[in-house]
Amino acid sequence: MQPPTRAWLYNVDLARPKRTPALAQEWALDRAMAARSTCPECRRRYFFCLPLRTQGRCDPCDKGYEPSPDTYVASTAPAIHRLAA
């Protein structure tokens, strides 16, 4: 099957602005991303999503090495939510 060779062109002037999410939606998205990027074993929150379905924990916990400090949120305080708005 041939890939499509045409695309729809839209007038940018007629486009509607993106809707701003509500605060509750941002809280829900932040909690979801925190669940995907926090290791259940060492409780570190990384700046990227972890392979929790396959490994169940972060690579340093799985392979037994100390992670680089620039890969996770280094905080001694309780986790705070960083909302976009």
N, C-alpha and C. Protein backbone atom coordinates (compact mmCIF):
# COMPACT_ATOMS: atom_id res chain seq x y z
N MET A 1 0.84 -1.18 0.00
CA MET A 1 0.00 0.00 0.00
C MET A 1 0.88 1.24 0.00
N GLN A 2 0.52 2.20 -0.82
CA GLN A 2 1.28 3.44 -0.95
C GLN A 2 1.00 4.36 0.25
N PRO A 3 2.02 5.05 0.76
CA PRO A 3 1.76 6.04 1.80
C PRO A 3 1.02 7.23 1.21
N PRO A 4 0.29 7.97 2.03
CA PRO A 4 -0.46 9.11 1.49
C PRO A 4 0.49 10.16 0.94
N THR A 5 0.13 10.74 -0.19
CA THR A 5 0.97 11.76 -0.82
C THR A 5 0.38 13.16 -0.68
N ARG A 6 -0.76 13.25 -0.04
CA ARG A 6 -1.38 14.56 0.15
C ARG A 6 -1.70 14.75 1.63
N ALA A 7 -1.74 16.00 2.02
CA ALA A 7 -2.10 16.33 3.40
C ALA A 7 -3.06 17.51 3.37
N TRP A 8 -3.91 17.60 4.39
CA TRP A 8 -4.83 18.72 4.49
C TRP A 8 -4.06 19.94 4.98
N LEU A 9 -4.29 21.05 4.34
CA LEU A 9 -3.67 22.31 4.74
C LEU A 9 -4.74 23.16 5.42
N TYR A 10 -4.39 23.69 6.57
CA TYR A 10 -5.33 24.49 7.34
C TYR A 10 -4.84 25.92 7.42
N ASN A 11 -5.76 26.84 7.51
CA ASN A 11 -5.43 28.25 7.65
C ASN A 11 -5.13 28.51 9.13
N VAL A 12 -3.92 28.94 9.42
CA VAL A 12 -3.50 29.16 10.81
C VAL A 12 -4.28 30.31 11.44
N ASP A 13 -4.67 31.29 10.64
CA ASP A 13 -5.42 32.43 11.18
C ASP A 13 -6.78 32.02 11.72
N LEU A 14 -7.35 30.94 11.19
CA LEU A 14 -8.67 30.50 11.63
C LEU A 14 -8.60 29.48 12.77
N ALA A 15 -7.41 29.09 13.19
CA ALA A 15 -7.26 28.09 14.25
C ALA A 15 -7.65 28.68 15.59
N ARG A 16 -8.28 27.86 16.42
CA ARG A 16 -8.65 28.29 17.76
C ARG A 16 -7.48 28.05 18.70
N PRO A 17 -7.29 28.89 19.73
CA PRO A 17 -6.18 28.68 20.67
C PRO A 17 -6.38 27.41 21.49
N LYS A 18 -5.28 26.85 21.94
CA LYS A 18 -5.32 25.65 22.75
C LYS A 18 -5.96 25.97 24.10
N ARG A 19 -6.83 25.09 24.55
CA ARG A 19 -7.53 25.31 25.82
C ARG A 19 -6.57 25.10 26.99
N THR A 20 -6.63 25.99 27.96
CA THR A 20 -5.79 25.89 29.15
C THR A 20 -6.39 24.84 30.08
N PRO A 21 -5.60 23.87 30.54
CA PRO A 21 -6.15 22.84 31.42
C PRO A 21 -6.48 23.41 32.80
N ALA A 22 -7.46 22.82 33.44
CA ALA A 22 -7.84 23.22 34.79
C ALA A 22 -6.76 22.75 35.77
N LEU A 23 -6.76 23.34 36.94
CA LEU A 23 -5.76 22.99 37.95
C LEU A 23 -5.86 21.52 38.35
N ALA A 24 -7.07 21.01 38.45
CA ALA A 24 -7.26 19.60 38.81
C ALA A 24 -6.70 18.68 37.72
N GLN A 25 -6.82 19.08 36.45
CA GLN A 25 -6.26 18.28 35.37
C GLN A 25 -4.73 18.27 35.45
N GLU A 26 -4.14 19.42 35.78
CA GLU A 26 -2.68 19.47 35.90
C GLU A 26 -2.20 18.64 37.09
N TRP A 27 -2.94 18.65 38.18
CA TRP A 27 -2.59 17.82 39.33
C TRP A 27 -2.63 16.35 38.94
N ALA A 28 -3.65 15.95 38.21
CA ALA A 28 -3.79 14.56 37.79
C ALA A 28 -2.65 14.15 36.86
N LEU A 29 -2.29 15.02 35.92
CA LEU A 29 -1.18 14.71 35.03
C LEU A 29 0.14 14.63 35.78
N ASP A 30 0.33 15.51 36.76
CA ASP A 30 1.57 15.48 37.54
C ASP A 30 1.66 14.20 38.37
N ARG A 31 0.55 13.78 38.96
CA ARG A 31 0.56 12.52 39.72
C ARG A 31 0.83 11.33 38.82
N ALA A 32 0.27 11.34 37.62
CA ALA A 32 0.49 10.25 36.68
C ALA A 32 1.95 10.19 36.25
N MET A 33 2.55 11.34 35.96
CA MET A 33 3.95 11.36 35.56
C MET A 33 4.86 10.99 36.73
N ALA A 34 4.47 11.38 37.95
CA ALA A 34 5.25 11.00 39.12
C ALA A 34 5.23 9.49 39.32
N ALA A 35 4.10 8.86 39.06
CA ALA A 35 4.01 7.41 39.20
C ALA A 35 4.88 6.70 38.16
N ARG A 36 5.00 7.27 36.97
CA ARG A 36 5.80 6.65 35.90
C ARG A 36 7.29 6.89 36.08
N SER A 37 7.67 7.94 36.82
CA SER A 37 9.08 8.29 36.92
C SER A 37 9.67 8.10 38.32
N THR A 38 8.93 7.51 39.24
CA THR A 38 9.42 7.27 40.60
C THR A 38 9.67 5.77 40.78
N CYS A 39 10.87 5.44 41.26
CA CYS A 39 11.22 4.05 41.51
C CYS A 39 10.54 3.58 42.79
N PRO A 40 9.82 2.46 42.75
CA PRO A 40 9.15 1.99 43.97
C PRO A 40 10.12 1.46 45.02
N GLU A 41 11.34 1.16 44.64
CA GLU A 41 12.30 0.61 45.59
C GLU A 41 13.10 1.70 46.31
N CYS A 42 13.72 2.61 45.56
CA CYS A 42 14.55 3.65 46.18
C CYS A 42 13.83 4.98 46.36
N ARG A 43 12.61 5.11 45.80
CA ARG A 43 11.75 6.29 45.91
C ARG A 43 12.37 7.54 45.28
N ARG A 44 13.32 7.39 44.36
CA ARG A 44 13.86 8.54 43.63
C ARG A 44 12.95 8.86 42.46
N ARG A 45 12.72 10.14 42.21
CA ARG A 45 11.92 10.56 41.05
C ARG A 45 12.88 11.03 39.97
N TYR A 46 12.89 10.31 38.87
CA TYR A 46 13.79 10.60 37.76
C TYR A 46 13.16 11.61 36.81
N PHE A 47 13.98 12.16 35.92
CA PHE A 47 13.53 13.11 34.93
C PHE A 47 12.98 12.42 33.69
N PHE A 48 12.86 11.11 33.70
CA PHE A 48 12.38 10.34 32.57
C PHE A 48 11.52 9.20 33.09
N CYS A 49 10.78 8.57 32.20
CA CYS A 49 9.92 7.45 32.59
C CYS A 49 10.76 6.20 32.79
N LEU A 50 10.41 5.42 33.79
CA LEU A 50 11.16 4.21 34.11
C LEU A 50 10.53 2.98 33.47
N PRO A 51 11.31 1.92 33.25
CA PRO A 51 10.76 0.68 32.68
C PRO A 51 10.06 -0.16 33.74
N LEU A 52 8.98 0.37 34.30
CA LEU A 52 8.32 -0.30 35.42
C LEU A 52 7.56 -1.55 35.00
N ARG A 53 7.09 -1.60 33.77
CA ARG A 53 6.38 -2.82 33.31
C ARG A 53 7.33 -3.99 33.13
N THR A 54 8.52 -3.72 32.63
CA THR A 54 9.44 -4.82 32.35
C THR A 54 10.37 -5.11 33.52
N GLN A 55 10.96 -4.08 34.13
CA GLN A 55 11.90 -4.29 35.22
C GLN A 55 11.26 -4.16 36.59
N GLY A 56 10.33 -3.23 36.71
CA GLY A 56 9.69 -3.00 37.99
C GLY A 56 10.42 -2.04 38.89
N ARG A 57 11.56 -1.54 38.45
CA ARG A 57 12.34 -0.57 39.22
C ARG A 57 13.33 0.13 38.29
N CYS A 58 14.09 1.08 38.83
CA CYS A 58 15.03 1.84 38.01
C CYS A 58 16.28 0.99 37.70
N ASP A 59 17.04 1.41 36.71
CA ASP A 59 18.25 0.68 36.33
C ASP A 59 19.27 0.59 37.47
N PRO A 60 19.55 1.68 38.22
CA PRO A 60 20.51 1.55 39.32
C PRO A 60 20.09 0.51 40.36
N CYS A 61 18.81 0.44 40.69
CA CYS A 61 18.35 -0.57 41.65
C CYS A 61 18.44 -1.96 41.04
N ASP A 62 18.15 -2.07 39.76
CA ASP A 62 18.15 -3.37 39.09
C ASP A 62 19.56 -3.90 38.90
N LYS A 63 20.49 -3.02 38.55
CA LYS A 63 21.85 -3.45 38.23
C LYS A 63 22.84 -3.22 39.37
N GLY A 64 22.42 -2.50 40.41
CA GLY A 64 23.24 -2.34 41.60
C GLY A 64 24.32 -1.28 41.52
N TYR A 65 24.06 -0.15 40.92
CA TYR A 65 25.03 0.94 40.91
C TYR A 65 24.36 2.23 41.37
N GLU A 66 25.17 3.21 41.71
CA GLU A 66 24.66 4.49 42.19
C GLU A 66 24.34 5.38 40.98
N PRO A 67 23.12 5.96 40.93
CA PRO A 67 22.76 6.78 39.77
C PRO A 67 23.48 8.12 39.77
N SER A 68 23.58 8.71 38.61
CA SER A 68 24.16 10.03 38.46
C SER A 68 23.20 11.06 39.06
N PRO A 69 23.71 12.02 39.83
CA PRO A 69 22.82 12.99 40.48
C PRO A 69 22.03 13.86 39.51
N ASP A 70 22.47 13.99 38.25
CA ASP A 70 21.74 14.82 37.31
C ASP A 70 20.60 14.08 36.61
N THR A 71 20.34 12.83 36.98
CA THR A 71 19.26 12.07 36.35
C THR A 71 18.00 12.01 37.21
N TYR A 72 18.07 12.42 38.47
CA TYR A 72 16.89 12.35 39.34
C TYR A 72 16.75 13.64 40.14
N VAL A 73 15.58 13.83 40.71
CA VAL A 73 15.30 15.01 41.53
C VAL A 73 15.86 14.74 42.91
N ALA A 74 16.94 15.44 43.24
CA ALA A 74 17.59 15.26 44.53
C ALA A 74 16.97 16.23 45.52
N SER A 75 16.12 15.71 46.38
CA SER A 75 15.45 16.54 47.36
C SER A 75 15.30 15.77 48.66
N THR A 76 15.61 16.44 49.76
CA THR A 76 15.40 15.83 51.07
C THR A 76 14.03 16.18 51.62
N ALA A 77 13.39 17.19 51.02
CA ALA A 77 12.07 17.61 51.45
C ALA A 77 11.03 16.68 50.84
N PRO A 78 9.81 16.70 51.36
CA PRO A 78 8.75 15.90 50.76
C PRO A 78 8.52 16.31 49.30
N ALA A 79 8.04 15.40 48.52
CA ALA A 79 7.82 15.66 47.09
C ALA A 79 6.83 16.78 46.90
N ILE A 80 7.23 17.75 46.09
CA ILE A 80 6.33 18.85 45.76
C ILE A 80 5.94 18.70 44.29
N HIS A 81 4.76 19.16 43.97
CA HIS A 81 4.29 19.07 42.60
C HIS A 81 4.70 20.33 41.85
N ARG A 82 5.23 20.13 40.66
CA ARG A 82 5.63 21.25 39.81
C ARG A 82 4.64 21.36 38.68
N LEU A 83 3.64 22.22 38.85
CA LEU A 83 2.60 22.37 37.85
C LEU A 83 3.04 23.34 36.76
N ALA A 84 2.50 23.15 35.59
CA ALA A 84 2.84 24.00 34.46
C ALA A 84 2.22 25.38 34.58
N ALA A 85 1.09 25.49 35.24
CA ALA A 85 0.41 26.80 35.34
C ALA A 85 0.79 27.50 36.62
